[in-house]
Amino acid sequence: MTSADRLVLGFAVVFIFGLYAQLWTEDGAGARVKIKYDQHLVKTVSLNADQEIHVNGALGESVVEIKDQQVRFRSSPCSSQLCVLHGWMHQAGEVMACLPNRVIIEVIGKDKKFDAVSF
């Protein structure tokens, strides 16, 4: 392998990782929140508007709070309260769940043009 081969190989590796970072990773700050119950989409809302969303789950009602472009479980009927203790999320790609109540919150960023399926 010559030094020119190594140089081309190095550029190819950097190029591939650059494409991956550009096309398949989430962008920093979140833009919207997906709220699911038992893997079914309940609601998709913007992080820009402060609000409370009441979601009926398996054990009762969970309250999801959106404030200052962040989201959290404000209350939940589960006994451990781990979802409430988790605190605030605001980065795209973050996920929080109340497993006993089967409610999931996912912060999503702006839409990507490509994913692994369309590649």
PDB file of N, CA and C in Angstrom:
ATOM      1  N   MET A   1       0.852  -1.166   0.000  1.00  0.00           N
ATOM      2  CA  MET A   1       0.000   0.000   0.000  1.00  0.00           C
ATOM      3  C   MET A   1       0.908   1.243   0.000  1.00  0.00           C
ATOM      4  N   THR A   2       0.686   2.111  -0.950  1.00  0.00           N
ATOM      5  CA  THR A   2       1.511   3.315  -1.059  1.00  0.00           C
ATOM      6  C   THR A   2       0.943   4.435  -0.192  1.00  0.00           C
ATOM      7  N   SER A   3       1.688   5.501  -0.066  1.00  0.00           N
ATOM      8  CA  SER A   3       1.217   6.645   0.728  1.00  0.00           C
ATOM      9  C   SER A   3      -0.001   7.297   0.075  1.00  0.00           C
ATOM     10  N   ALA A   4      -0.097   7.269  -1.250  1.00  0.00           N
ATOM     11  CA  ALA A   4      -1.272   7.810  -1.947  1.00  0.00           C
ATOM     12  C   ALA A   4      -2.512   6.962  -1.631  1.00  0.00           C
ATOM     13  N   ASP A   5      -2.352   5.641  -1.569  1.00  0.00           N
ATOM     14  CA  ASP A   5      -3.463   4.763  -1.196  1.00  0.00           C
ATOM     15  C   ASP A   5      -3.954   5.076   0.217  1.00  0.00           C
ATOM     16  N   ARG A   6      -3.019   5.268   1.129  1.00  0.00           N
ATOM     17  CA  ARG A   6      -3.381   5.598   2.512  1.00  0.00           C
ATOM     18  C   ARG A   6      -4.120   6.937   2.578  1.00  0.00           C
ATOM     19  N   LEU A   7      -3.675   7.891   1.779  1.00  0.00           N
ATOM     20  CA  LEU A   7      -4.307   9.205   1.752  1.00  0.00           C
ATOM     21  C   LEU A   7      -5.749   9.106   1.243  1.00  0.00           C
ATOM     22  N   VAL A   8      -5.949   8.363   0.157  1.00  0.00           N
ATOM     23  CA  VAL A   8      -7.300   8.173  -0.393  1.00  0.00           C
ATOM     24  C   VAL A   8      -8.174   7.434   0.612  1.00  0.00           C
ATOM     25  N   LEU A   9      -7.656   6.414   1.247  1.00  0.00           N
ATOM     26  CA  LEU A   9      -8.405   5.661   2.247  1.00  0.00           C
ATOM     27  C   LEU A   9      -8.773   6.559   3.432  1.00  0.00           C
ATOM     28  N   GLY A  10      -7.855   7.387   3.862  1.00  0.00           N
ATOM     29  CA  GLY A  10      -8.139   8.319   4.963  1.00  0.00           C
ATOM     30  C   GLY A  10      -9.237   9.298   4.607  1.00  0.00           C
ATOM     31  N   PHE A  11      -9.198   9.861   3.386  1.00  0.00           N
ATOM     32  CA  PHE A  11     -10.257  10.772   2.947  1.00  0.00           C
ATOM     33  C   PHE A  11     -11.606  10.056   2.873  1.00  0.00           C
ATOM     34  N   ALA A  12     -11.615   8.821   2.406  1.00  0.00           N
ATOM     35  CA  ALA A  12     -12.857   8.056   2.304  1.00  0.00           C
ATOM     36  C   ALA A  12     -13.471   7.832   3.681  1.00  0.00           C
ATOM     37  N   VAL A  13     -12.666   7.477   4.664  1.00  0.00           N
ATOM     38  CA  VAL A  13     -13.178   7.247   6.023  1.00  0.00           C
ATOM     39  C   VAL A  13     -13.750   8.535   6.600  1.00  0.00           C
ATOM     40  N   VAL A  14     -13.024   9.642   6.458  1.00  0.00           N
ATOM     41  CA  VAL A  14     -13.516  10.930   6.963  1.00  0.00           C
ATOM     42  C   VAL A  14     -14.802  11.323   6.259  1.00  0.00           C
ATOM     43  N   PHE A  15     -14.882  11.104   4.947  1.00  0.00           N
ATOM     44  CA  PHE A  15     -16.074  11.426   4.167  1.00  0.00           C
ATOM     45  C   PHE A  15     -17.278  10.610   4.631  1.00  0.00           C
ATOM     46  N   ILE A  16     -17.101   9.326   4.857  1.00  0.00           N
ATOM     47  CA  ILE A  16     -18.204   8.460   5.291  1.00  0.00           C
ATOM     48  C   ILE A  16     -18.714   8.879   6.665  1.00  0.00           C
ATOM     49  N   PHE A  17     -17.802   9.131   7.608  1.00  0.00           N
ATOM     50  CA  PHE A  17     -18.242   9.575   8.931  1.00  0.00           C
ATOM     51  C   PHE A  17     -18.903  10.945   8.866  1.00  0.00           C
ATOM     52  N   GLY A  18     -18.441  11.813   7.995  1.00  0.00           N
ATOM     53  CA  GLY A  18     -19.069  13.119   7.811  1.00  0.00           C
ATOM     54  C   GLY A  18     -20.484  12.994   7.285  1.00  0.00           C
ATOM     55  N   LEU A  19     -20.690  12.107   6.302  1.00  0.00           N
ATOM     56  CA  LEU A  19     -22.042  11.864   5.789  1.00  0.00           C
ATOM     57  C   LEU A  19     -22.958  11.308   6.873  1.00  0.00           C
ATOM     58  N   TYR A  20     -22.442  10.379   7.639  1.00  0.00           N
ATOM     59  CA  TYR A  20     -23.247   9.811   8.721  1.00  0.00           C
ATOM     60  C   TYR A  20     -23.679  10.901   9.694  1.00  0.00           C
ATOM     61  N   ALA A  21     -22.754  11.729  10.113  1.00  0.00           N
ATOM     62  CA  ALA A  21     -23.075  12.793  11.065  1.00  0.00           C
ATOM     63  C   ALA A  21     -24.067  13.784  10.479  1.00  0.00           C
ATOM     64  N   GLN A  22     -23.967  14.070   9.210  1.00  0.00           N
ATOM     65  CA  GLN A  22     -24.851  15.048   8.576  1.00  0.00           C
ATOM     66  C   GLN A  22     -26.247  14.500   8.321  1.00  0.00           C
ATOM     67  N   LEU A  23     -26.357  13.259   7.886  1.00  0.00           N
ATOM     68  CA  LEU A  23     -27.637  12.745   7.414  1.00  0.00           C
ATOM     69  C   LEU A  23     -28.405  11.886   8.405  1.00  0.00           C
ATOM     70  N   TRP A  24     -27.740  11.223   9.332  1.00  0.00           N
ATOM     71  CA  TRP A  24     -28.452  10.268  10.169  1.00  0.00           C
ATOM     72  C   TRP A  24     -28.506  10.612  11.644  1.00  0.00           C
ATOM     73  N   THR A  25     -27.809  11.594  12.119  1.00  0.00           N
ATOM     74  CA  THR A  25     -27.874  11.935  13.532  1.00  0.00           C
ATOM     75  C   THR A  25     -28.844  13.079  13.739  1.00  0.00           C
ATOM     76  N   GLU A  26     -29.412  13.129  14.930  1.00  0.00           N
ATOM     77  CA  GLU A  26     -30.355  14.186  15.274  1.00  0.00           C
ATOM     78  C   GLU A  26     -29.608  15.496  15.480  1.00  0.00           C
ATOM     79  N   ASP A  27     -30.301  16.597  15.228  1.00  0.00           N
ATOM     80  CA  ASP A  27     -29.736  17.906  15.496  1.00  0.00           C
ATOM     81  C   ASP A  27     -29.951  18.237  16.963  1.00  0.00           C
ATOM     82  N   GLY A  28     -29.034  18.969  17.571  1.00  0.00           N
ATOM     83  CA  GLY A  28     -28.998  19.292  18.990  1.00  0.00           C
ATOM     84  C   GLY A  28     -30.333  19.534  19.658  1.00  0.00           C
ATOM     85  N   ALA A  29     -30.834  20.733  19.592  1.00  0.00           N
ATOM     86  CA  ALA A  29     -32.052  21.087  20.315  1.00  0.00           C
ATOM     87  C   ALA A  29     -33.273  20.462  19.650  1.00  0.00           C
ATOM     88  N   GLY A  30     -34.200  20.018  20.477  1.00  0.00           N
ATOM     89  CA  GLY A  30     -35.411  19.423  19.959  1.00  0.00           C
ATOM     90  C   GLY A  30     -36.390  20.465  19.469  1.00  0.00           C
ATOM     91  N   ALA A  31     -37.275  20.059  18.571  1.00  0.00           N
ATOM     92  CA  ALA A  31     -38.286  20.952  18.030  1.00  0.00           C
ATOM     93  C   ALA A  31     -39.694  20.509  18.418  1.00  0.00           C
ATOM     94  N   ARG A  32     -39.888  19.195  18.528  1.00  0.00           N
ATOM     95  CA  ARG A  32     -41.210  18.649  18.826  1.00  0.00           C
ATOM     96  C   ARG A  32     -41.103  17.491  19.808  1.00  0.00           C
ATOM     97  N   VAL A  33     -42.246  17.091  20.305  1.00  0.00           N
ATOM     98  CA  VAL A  33     -42.324  15.980  21.247  1.00  0.00           C
ATOM     99  C   VAL A  33     -43.378  15.000  20.746  1.00  0.00           C
ATOM    100  N   LYS A  34     -43.006  13.722  20.678  1.00  0.00           N
ATOM    101  CA  LYS A  34     -43.974  12.660  20.388  1.00  0.00           C
ATOM    102  C   LYS A  34     -44.351  12.015  21.707  1.00  0.00           C
ATOM    103  N   ILE A  35     -45.641  11.879  21.936  1.00  0.00           N
ATOM    104  CA  ILE A  35     -46.135  11.218  23.140  1.00  0.00           C
ATOM    105  C   ILE A  35     -46.876   9.964  22.691  1.00  0.00           C
ATOM    106  N   LYS A  36     -46.469   8.820  23.250  1.00  0.00           N
ATOM    107  CA  LYS A  36     -47.057   7.540  22.860  1.00  0.00           C
ATOM    108  C   LYS A  36     -47.611   6.828  24.083  1.00  0.00           C
ATOM    109  N   TYR A  37     -48.674   6.084  23.857  1.00  0.00           N
ATOM    110  CA  TYR A  37     -49.191   5.169  24.874  1.00  0.00           C
ATOM    111  C   TYR A  37     -49.237   3.789  24.241  1.00  0.00           C
ATOM    112  N   ASP A  38     -48.575   2.836  24.881  1.00  0.00           N
ATOM    113  CA  ASP A  38     -48.574   1.446  24.425  1.00  0.00           C
ATOM    114  C   ASP A  38     -48.194   1.344  22.938  1.00  0.00           C
ATOM    115  N   GLN A  39     -47.154   2.086  22.531  1.00  0.00           N
ATOM    116  CA  GLN A  39     -46.603   2.126  21.175  1.00  0.00           C
ATOM    117  C   GLN A  39     -47.525   2.789  20.145  1.00  0.00           C
ATOM    118  N   HIS A  40     -48.620   3.406  20.576  1.00  0.00           N
ATOM    119  CA  HIS A  40     -49.509   4.131  19.674  1.00  0.00           C
ATOM    120  C   HIS A  40     -49.315   5.621  19.888  1.00  0.00           C
ATOM    121  N   LEU A  41     -49.160   6.357  18.811  1.00  0.00           N
ATOM    122  CA  LEU A  41     -48.950   7.795  18.901  1.00  0.00           C
ATOM    123  C   LEU A  41     -50.203   8.475  19.444  1.00  0.00           C
ATOM    124  N   VAL A  42     -50.047   9.201  20.535  1.00  0.00           N
ATOM    125  CA  VAL A  42     -51.149   9.953  21.129  1.00  0.00           C
ATOM    126  C   VAL A  42     -51.176  11.355  20.561  1.00  0.00           C
ATOM    127  N   LYS A  43     -50.001  11.992  20.530  1.00  0.00           N
ATOM    128  CA  LYS A  43     -49.948  13.385  20.123  1.00  0.00           C
ATOM    129  C   LYS A  43     -48.518  13.762  19.771  1.00  0.00           C
ATOM    130  N   THR A  44     -48.363  14.657  18.807  1.00  0.00           N
ATOM    131  CA  THR A  44     -47.086  15.295  18.505  1.00  0.00           C
ATOM    132  C   THR A  44     -47.289  16.786  18.689  1.00  0.00           C
ATOM    133  N   VAL A  45     -46.477  17.381  19.559  1.00  0.00           N
ATOM    134  CA  VAL A  45     -46.640  18.802  19.871  1.00  0.00           C
ATOM    135  C   VAL A  45     -45.300  19.521  19.769  1.00  0.00           C
ATOM    136  N   SER A  46     -45.367  20.828  19.609  1.00  0.00           N
ATOM    137  CA  SER A  46     -44.169  21.652  19.522  1.00  0.00           C
ATOM    138  C   SER A  46     -43.625  21.926  20.917  1.00  0.00           C
ATOM    139  N   LEU A  47     -42.309  22.071  21.012  1.00  0.00           N
ATOM    140  CA  LEU A  47     -41.687  22.456  22.276  1.00  0.00           C
ATOM    141  C   LEU A  47     -41.766  23.965  22.509  1.00  0.00           C
ATOM    142  N   ASN A  48     -42.252  24.711  21.521  1.00  0.00           N
ATOM    143  CA  ASN A  48     -42.282  26.167  21.630  1.00  0.00           C
ATOM    144  C   ASN A  48     -43.442  26.693  22.468  1.00  0.00           C
ATOM    145  N   ALA A  49     -44.511  25.934  22.614  1.00  0.00           N
ATOM    146  CA  ALA A  49     -45.681  26.391  23.358  1.00  0.00           C
ATOM    147  C   ALA A  49     -45.741  25.697  24.713  1.00  0.00           C
ATOM    148  N   ASP A  50     -45.757  26.479  25.794  1.00  0.00           N
ATOM    149  CA  ASP A  50     -45.881  25.909  27.136  1.00  0.00           C
ATOM    150  C   ASP A  50     -47.277  25.324  27.301  1.00  0.00           C
ATOM    151  N   GLN A  51     -47.342  24.075  27.798  1.00  0.00           N
ATOM    152  CA  GLN A  51     -48.639  23.418  27.973  1.00  0.00           C
ATOM    153  C   GLN A  51     -48.509  22.183  28.851  1.00  0.00           C
ATOM    154  N   GLU A  52     -49.650  21.692  29.294  1.00  0.00           N
ATOM    155  CA  GLU A  52     -49.754  20.421  30.007  1.00  0.00           C
ATOM    156  C   GLU A  52     -50.592  19.479  29.169  1.00  0.00           C
ATOM    157  N   ILE A  53     -50.142  18.243  29.068  1.00  0.00           N
ATOM    158  CA  ILE A  53     -50.871  17.242  28.300  1.00  0.00           C
ATOM    159  C   ILE A  53     -51.176  16.078  29.229  1.00  0.00           C
ATOM    160  N   HIS A  54     -52.431  15.703  29.309  1.00  0.00           N
ATOM    161  CA  HIS A  54     -52.875  14.600  30.154  1.00  0.00           C
ATOM    162  C   HIS A  54     -53.029  13.362  29.277  1.00  0.00           C
ATOM    163  N   VAL A  55     -52.319  12.293  29.650  1.00  0.00           N
ATOM    164  CA  VAL A  55     -52.310  11.057  28.870  1.00  0.00           C
ATOM    165  C   VAL A  55     -52.823   9.928  29.751  1.00  0.00           C
ATOM    166  N   ASN A  56     -53.887   9.280  29.311  1.00  0.00           N
ATOM    167  CA  ASN A  56     -54.411   8.131  30.045  1.00  0.00           C
ATOM    168  C   ASN A  56     -53.582   6.904  29.710  1.00  0.00           C
ATOM    169  N   GLY A  57     -53.030   6.284  30.740  1.00  0.00           N
ATOM    170  CA  GLY A  57     -52.200   5.108  30.572  1.00  0.00           C
ATOM    171  C   GLY A  57     -52.833   3.888  31.204  1.00  0.00           C
ATOM    172  N   ALA A  58     -52.055   2.836  31.359  1.00  0.00           N
ATOM    173  CA  ALA A  58     -52.543   1.572  31.905  1.00  0.00           C
ATOM    174  C   ALA A  58     -52.938   1.690  33.373  1.00  0.00           C
ATOM    175  N   LEU A  59     -52.225   2.541  34.137  1.00  0.00           N
ATOM    176  CA  LEU A  59     -52.509   2.699  35.568  1.00  0.00           C
ATOM    177  C   LEU A  59     -53.344   3.919  35.896  1.00  0.00           C
ATOM    178  N   GLY A  60     -53.446   4.836  34.962  1.00  0.00           N
ATOM    179  CA  GLY A  60     -54.160   6.085  35.207  1.00  0.00           C
ATOM    180  C   GLY A  60     -53.593   7.194  34.349  1.00  0.00           C
ATOM    181  N   GLU A  61     -53.696   8.413  34.846  1.00  0.00           N
ATOM    182  CA  GLU A  61     -53.319   9.580  34.055  1.00  0.00           C
ATOM    183  C   GLU A  61     -51.904  10.066  34.364  1.00  0.00           C
ATOM    184  N   SER A  62     -51.095  10.207  33.321  1.00  0.00           N
ATOM    185  CA  SER A  62     -49.781  10.839  33.423  1.00  0.00           C
ATOM    186  C   SER A  62     -49.916  12.265  32.904  1.00  0.00           C
ATOM    187  N   VAL A  63     -49.218  13.193  33.543  1.00  0.00           N
ATOM    188  CA  VAL A  63     -49.240  14.581  33.108  1.00  0.00           C
ATOM    189  C   VAL A  63     -47.864  14.922  32.548  1.00  0.00           C
ATOM    190  N   VAL A  64     -47.830  15.334  31.279  1.00  0.00           N
ATOM    191  CA  VAL A  64     -46.612  15.733  30.592  1.00  0.00           C
ATOM    192  C   VAL A  64     -46.613  17.258  30.533  1.00  0.00           C
ATOM    193  N   GLU A  65     -45.530  17.857  30.987  1.00  0.00           N
ATOM    194  CA  GLU A  65     -45.434  19.314  31.016  1.00  0.00           C
ATOM    195  C   GLU A  65     -44.386  19.783  30.020  1.00  0.00           C
ATOM    196  N   ILE A  66     -44.754  20.782  29.209  1.00  0.00           N
ATOM    197  CA  ILE A  66     -43.817  21.429  28.294  1.00  0.00           C
ATOM    198  C   ILE A  66     -43.688  22.874  28.747  1.00  0.00           C
ATOM    199  N   LYS A  67     -42.446  23.271  29.024  1.00  0.00           N
ATOM    200  CA  LYS A  67     -42.197  24.624  29.513  1.00  0.00           C
ATOM    201  C   LYS A  67     -40.787  25.039  29.117  1.00  0.00           C
ATOM    202  N   ASP A  68     -40.636  26.257  28.626  1.00  0.00           N
ATOM    203  CA  ASP A  68     -39.330  26.812  28.242  1.00  0.00           C
ATOM    204  C   ASP A  68     -38.574  25.893  27.289  1.00  0.00           C
ATOM    205  N   GLN A  69     -39.272  25.349  26.311  1.00  0.00           N
ATOM    206  CA  GLN A  69     -38.728  24.453  25.287  1.00  0.00           C
ATOM    207  C   GLN A  69     -38.090  23.196  25.875  1.00  0.00           C
ATOM    208  N   GLN A  70     -38.668  22.695  26.974  1.00  0.00           N
ATOM    209  CA  GLN A  70     -38.253  21.452  27.607  1.00  0.00           C
ATOM    210  C   GLN A  70     -39.509  20.645  27.931  1.00  0.00           C
ATOM    211  N   VAL A  71     -39.325  19.360  28.175  1.00  0.00           N
ATOM    212  CA  VAL A  71     -40.458  18.495  28.482  1.00  0.00           C
ATOM    213  C   VAL A  71     -40.097  17.568  29.635  1.00  0.00           C
ATOM    214  N   ARG A  72     -41.109  17.207  30.408  1.00  0.00           N
ATOM    215  CA  ARG A  72     -40.912  16.270  31.523  1.00  0.00           C
ATOM    216  C   ARG A  72     -42.243  15.629  31.904  1.00  0.00           C
ATOM    217  N   PHE A  73     -42.162  14.540  32.681  1.00  0.00           N
ATOM    218  CA  PHE A  73     -43.337  13.990  33.342  1.00  0.00           C
ATOM    219  C   PHE A  73     -43.547  14.809  34.612  1.00  0.00           C
ATOM    220  N   ARG A  74     -44.647  15.516  34.703  1.00  0.00           N
ATOM    221  CA  ARG A  74     -44.927  16.280  35.921  1.00  0.00           C
ATOM    222  C   ARG A  74     -45.487  15.375  37.011  1.00  0.00           C
ATOM    223  N   SER A  75     -46.334  14.433  36.601  1.00  0.00           N
ATOM    224  CA  SER A  75     -46.857  13.450  37.555  1.00  0.00           C
ATOM    225  C   SER A  75     -47.248  12.187  36.798  1.00  0.00           C
ATOM    226  N   SER A  76     -47.283  11.094  37.560  1.00  0.00           N
ATOM    227  CA  SER A  76     -47.653   9.805  36.985  1.00  0.00           C
ATOM    228  C   SER A  76     -48.145   8.898  38.108  1.00  0.00           C
ATOM    229  N   PRO A  77     -49.046   7.971  37.804  1.00  0.00           N
ATOM    230  CA  PRO A  77     -49.611   7.125  38.852  1.00  0.00           C
ATOM    231  C   PRO A  77     -48.721   5.944  39.262  1.00  0.00           C
ATOM    232  N   CYS A  78     -47.561   5.794  38.667  1.00  0.00           N
ATOM    233  CA  CYS A  78     -46.714   4.653  39.008  1.00  0.00           C
ATOM    234  C   CYS A  78     -46.138   4.799  40.413  1.00  0.00           C
ATOM    235  N   SER A  79     -45.750   3.697  41.014  1.00  0.00           N
ATOM    236  CA  SER A  79     -45.288   3.723  42.410  1.00  0.00           C
ATOM    237  C   SER A  79     -43.853   4.218  42.556  1.00  0.00           C
ATOM    238  N   SER A  80     -42.987   3.936  41.592  1.00  0.00           N
ATOM    239  CA  SER A  80     -41.570   4.295  41.739  1.00  0.00           C
ATOM    240  C   SER A  80     -41.291   5.766  41.447  1.00  0.00           C
ATOM    241  N   GLN A  81     -42.093   6.397  40.588  1.00  0.00           N
ATOM    242  CA  GLN A  81     -41.937   7.806  40.210  1.00  0.00           C
ATOM    243  C   GLN A  81     -40.589   8.100  39.553  1.00  0.00           C
ATOM    244  N   LEU A  82     -39.929   7.095  38.967  1.00  0.00           N
ATOM    245  CA  LEU A  82     -38.659   7.315  38.285  1.00  0.00           C
ATOM    246  C   LEU A  82     -38.814   8.263  37.103  1.00  0.00           C
ATOM    247  N   CYS A  83     -39.927   8.181  36.405  1.00  0.00           N
ATOM    248  CA  CYS A  83     -40.147   9.064  35.261  1.00  0.00           C
ATOM    249  C   CYS A  83     -40.241  10.522  35.711  1.00  0.00           C
ATOM    250  N   VAL A  84     -40.868  10.772  36.824  1.00  0.00           N
ATOM    251  CA  VAL A  84     -40.993  12.134  37.351  1.00  0.00           C
ATOM    252  C   VAL A  84     -39.642  12.627  37.854  1.00  0.00           C
ATOM    253  N   LEU A  85     -38.886  11.760  38.494  1.00  0.00           N
ATOM    254  CA  LEU A  85     -37.584  12.137  39.034  1.00  0.00           C
ATOM    255  C   LEU A  85     -36.532  12.361  37.946  1.00  0.00           C
ATOM    256  N   HIS A  86     -36.770  11.845  36.753  1.00  0.00           N
ATOM    257  CA  HIS A  86     -35.806  11.998  35.654  1.00  0.00           C
ATOM    258  C   HIS A  86     -35.551  13.457  35.323  1.00  0.00           C
ATOM    259  N   GLY A  87     -36.554  14.286  35.394  1.00  0.00           N
ATOM    260  CA  GLY A  87     -36.375  15.714  35.132  1.00  0.00           C
ATOM    261  C   GLY A  87     -36.694  16.096  33.704  1.00  0.00           C
ATOM    262  N   TRP A  88     -36.071  17.167  33.252  1.00  0.00           N
ATOM    263  CA  TRP A  88     -36.371  17.792  31.968  1.00  0.00           C
ATOM    264  C   TRP A  88     -35.527  17.212  30.838  1.00  0.00           C
ATOM    265  N   MET A  89     -36.116  17.204  29.627  1.00  0.00           N
ATOM    266  CA  MET A  89     -35.411  16.823  28.402  1.00  0.00           C
ATOM    267  C   MET A  89     -35.600  17.943  27.387  1.00  0.00           C
ATOM    268  N   HIS A  90     -34.581  18.161  26.546  1.00  0.00           N
ATOM    269  CA  HIS A  90     -34.717  19.151  25.482  1.00  0.00           C
ATOM    270  C   HIS A  90     -33.900  18.825  24.237  1.00  0.00           C
ATOM    271  N   GLN A  91     -33.050  17.831  24.292  1.00  0.00           N
ATOM    272  CA  GLN A  91     -32.197  17.472  23.157  1.00  0.00           C
ATOM    273  C   GLN A  91     -32.908  16.467  22.250  1.00  0.00           C
ATOM    274  N   ALA A  92     -32.766  16.649  20.957  1.00  0.00           N
ATOM    275  CA  ALA A  92     -33.338  15.711  20.000  1.00  0.00           C
ATOM    276  C   ALA A  92     -32.756  14.321  20.225  1.00  0.00           C
ATOM    277  N   GLY A  93     -33.613  13.326  20.196  1.00  0.00           N
ATOM    278  CA  GLY A  93     -33.178  11.949  20.395  1.00  0.00           C
ATOM    279  C   GLY A  93     -33.372  11.444  21.814  1.00  0.00           C
ATOM    280  N   GLU A  94     -33.650  12.329  22.767  1.00  0.00           N
ATOM    281  CA  GLU A  94     -33.863  11.881  24.145  1.00  0.00           C
ATOM    282  C   GLU A  94     -35.232  11.215  24.270  1.00  0.00           C
ATOM    283  N   VAL A  95     -35.280  10.167  25.075  1.00  0.00           N
ATOM    284  CA  VAL A  95     -36.517   9.421  25.290  1.00  0.00           C
ATOM    285  C   VAL A  95     -36.676   9.172  26.780  1.00  0.00           C
ATOM    286  N   MET A  96     -37.907   9.311  27.255  1.00  0.00           N
ATOM    287  CA  MET A  96     -38.229   9.041  28.651  1.00  0.00           C
ATOM    288  C   MET A  96     -39.513   8.205  28.663  1.00  0.00           C
ATOM    289  N   ALA A  97     -39.608   7.264  29.588  1.00  0.00           N
ATOM    290  CA  ALA A  97     -40.769   6.390  29.623  1.00  0.00           C
ATOM    291  C   ALA A  97     -41.230   6.158  31.049  1.00  0.00           C
ATOM    292  N   CYS A  98     -42.529   6.050  31.212  1.00  0.00           N
ATOM    293  CA  CYS A  98     -43.122   5.543  32.441  1.00  0.00           C
ATOM    294  C   CYS A  98     -43.573   4.127  32.087  1.00  0.00           C
ATOM    295  N   LEU A  99     -42.718   3.162  32.362  1.00  0.00           N
ATOM    296  CA  LEU A  99     -42.987   1.788  31.940  1.00  0.00           C
ATOM    297  C   LEU A  99     -44.231   1.182  32.578  1.00  0.00           C
ATOM    298  N   PRO A 100     -44.469   1.367  33.889  1.00  0.00           N
ATOM    299  CA  PRO A 100     -45.690   0.775  34.446  1.00  0.00           C
ATOM    300  C   PRO A 100     -46.969   1.333  33.822  1.00  0.00           C
ATOM    301  N   ASN A 101     -46.936   2.620  33.436  1.00  0.00           N
ATOM    302  CA  ASN A 101     -48.114   3.245  32.835  1.00  0.00           C
ATOM    303  C   ASN A 101     -48.085   3.173  31.310  1.00  0.00           C
ATOM    304  N   ARG A 102     -46.988   2.686  30.738  1.00  0.00           N
ATOM    305  CA  ARG A 102     -46.796   2.501  29.300  1.00  0.00           C
ATOM    306  C   ARG A 102     -46.905   3.796  28.490  1.00  0.00           C
ATOM    307  N   VAL A 103     -46.402   4.891  29.053  1.00  0.00           N
ATOM    308  CA  VAL A 103     -46.393   6.184  28.366  1.00  0.00           C
ATOM    309  C   VAL A 103     -44.945   6.533  28.038  1.00  0.00           C
ATOM    310  N   ILE A 104     -44.707   6.959  26.793  1.00  0.00           N
ATOM    311  CA  ILE A 104     -43.358   7.276  26.325  1.00  0.00           C
ATOM    312  C   ILE A 104     -43.353   8.692  25.762  1.00  0.00           C
ATOM    313  N   ILE A 105     -42.293   9.444  26.105  1.00  0.00           N
ATOM    314  CA  ILE A 105     -42.074  10.787  25.554  1.00  0.00           C
ATOM    315  C   ILE A 105     -40.774  10.740  24.760  1.00  0.00           C
ATOM    316  N   GLU A 106     -40.801  11.269  23.535  1.00  0.00           N
ATOM    317  CA  GLU A 106     -39.602  11.311  22.700  1.00  0.00           C
ATOM    318  C   GLU A 106     -39.438  12.713  22.132  1.00  0.00           C
ATOM    319  N   VAL A 107     -38.254  13.297  22.321  1.00  0.00           N
ATOM    320  CA  VAL A 107     -37.947  14.610  21.751  1.00  0.00           C
ATOM    321  C   VAL A 107     -37.361  14.384  20.367  1.00  0.00           C
ATOM    322  N   ILE A 108     -37.919  15.054  19.379  1.00  0.00           N
ATOM    323  CA  ILE A 108     -37.432  14.908  18.017  1.00  0.00           C
ATOM    324  C   ILE A 108     -36.984  16.264  17.482  1.00  0.00           C
ATOM    325  N   GLY A 109     -36.004  16.221  16.600  1.00  0.00           N
ATOM    326  CA  GLY A 109     -35.481  17.437  15.984  1.00  0.00           C
ATOM    327  C   GLY A 109     -36.157  17.678  14.654  1.00  0.00           C
ATOM    328  N   LYS A 110     -35.481  18.463  13.822  1.00  0.00           N
ATOM    329  CA  LYS A 110     -36.052  18.707  12.498  1.00  0.00           C
ATOM    330  C   LYS A 110     -35.940  17.451  11.659  1.00  0.00           C
ATOM    331  N   ASP A 111     -36.842  17.315  10.702  1.00  0.00           N
ATOM    332  CA  ASP A 111     -36.892  16.114   9.867  1.00  0.00           C
ATOM    333  C   ASP A 111     -35.653  15.980   9.007  1.00  0.00           C
ATOM    334  N   LYS A 112     -35.199  14.754   8.865  1.00  0.00           N
ATOM    335  CA  LYS A 112     -34.068  14.439   7.997  1.00  0.00           C
ATOM    336  C   LYS A 112     -34.598  14.004   6.638  1.00  0.00           C
ATOM    337  N   LYS A 113     -33.801  14.248   5.598  1.00  0.00           N
ATOM    338  CA  LYS A 113     -34.203  13.836   4.258  1.00  0.00           C
ATOM    339  C   LYS A 113     -34.002  12.343   4.041  1.00  0.00           C
ATOM    340  N   PHE A 114     -33.039  11.753   4.741  1.00  0.00           N
ATOM    341  CA  PHE A 114     -32.694  10.356   4.506  1.00  0.00           C
ATOM    342  C   PHE A 114     -32.761   9.584   5.826  1.00  0.00           C
ATOM    343  N   ASP A 115     -33.002   8.315   5.708  1.00  0.00           N
ATOM    344  CA  ASP A 115     -32.853   7.408   6.827  1.00  0.00           C
ATOM    345  C   ASP A 115     -32.231   6.120   6.304  1.00  0.00           C
ATOM    346  N   ALA A 116     -32.075   5.152   7.148  1.00  0.00           N
ATOM    347  CA  ALA A 116     -31.407   3.921   6.742  1.00  0.00           C
ATOM    348  C   ALA A 116     -32.201   3.171   5.680  1.00  0.00           C
ATOM    349  N   VAL A 117     -33.517   3.347   5.645  1.00  0.00           N
ATOM    350  CA  VAL A 117     -34.340   2.641   4.675  1.00  0.00           C
ATOM    351  C   VAL A 117     -34.199   3.254   3.292  1.00  0.00           C
ATOM    352  N   SER A 118     -34.216   4.590   3.210  1.00  0.00           N
ATOM    353  CA  SER A 118     -34.160   5.230   1.892  1.00  0.00           C
ATOM    354  C   SER A 118     -32.748   5.296   1.337  1.00  0.00           C
ATOM    355  N   PHE A 119     -31.753   4.992   2.139  1.00  0.00           N
ATOM    356  CA  PHE A 119     -30.380   4.998   1.651  1.00  0.00           C
ATOM    357  C   PHE A 119     -30.207   3.825   0.731  1.00  0.00           C
TER     358      PHE A 119
END
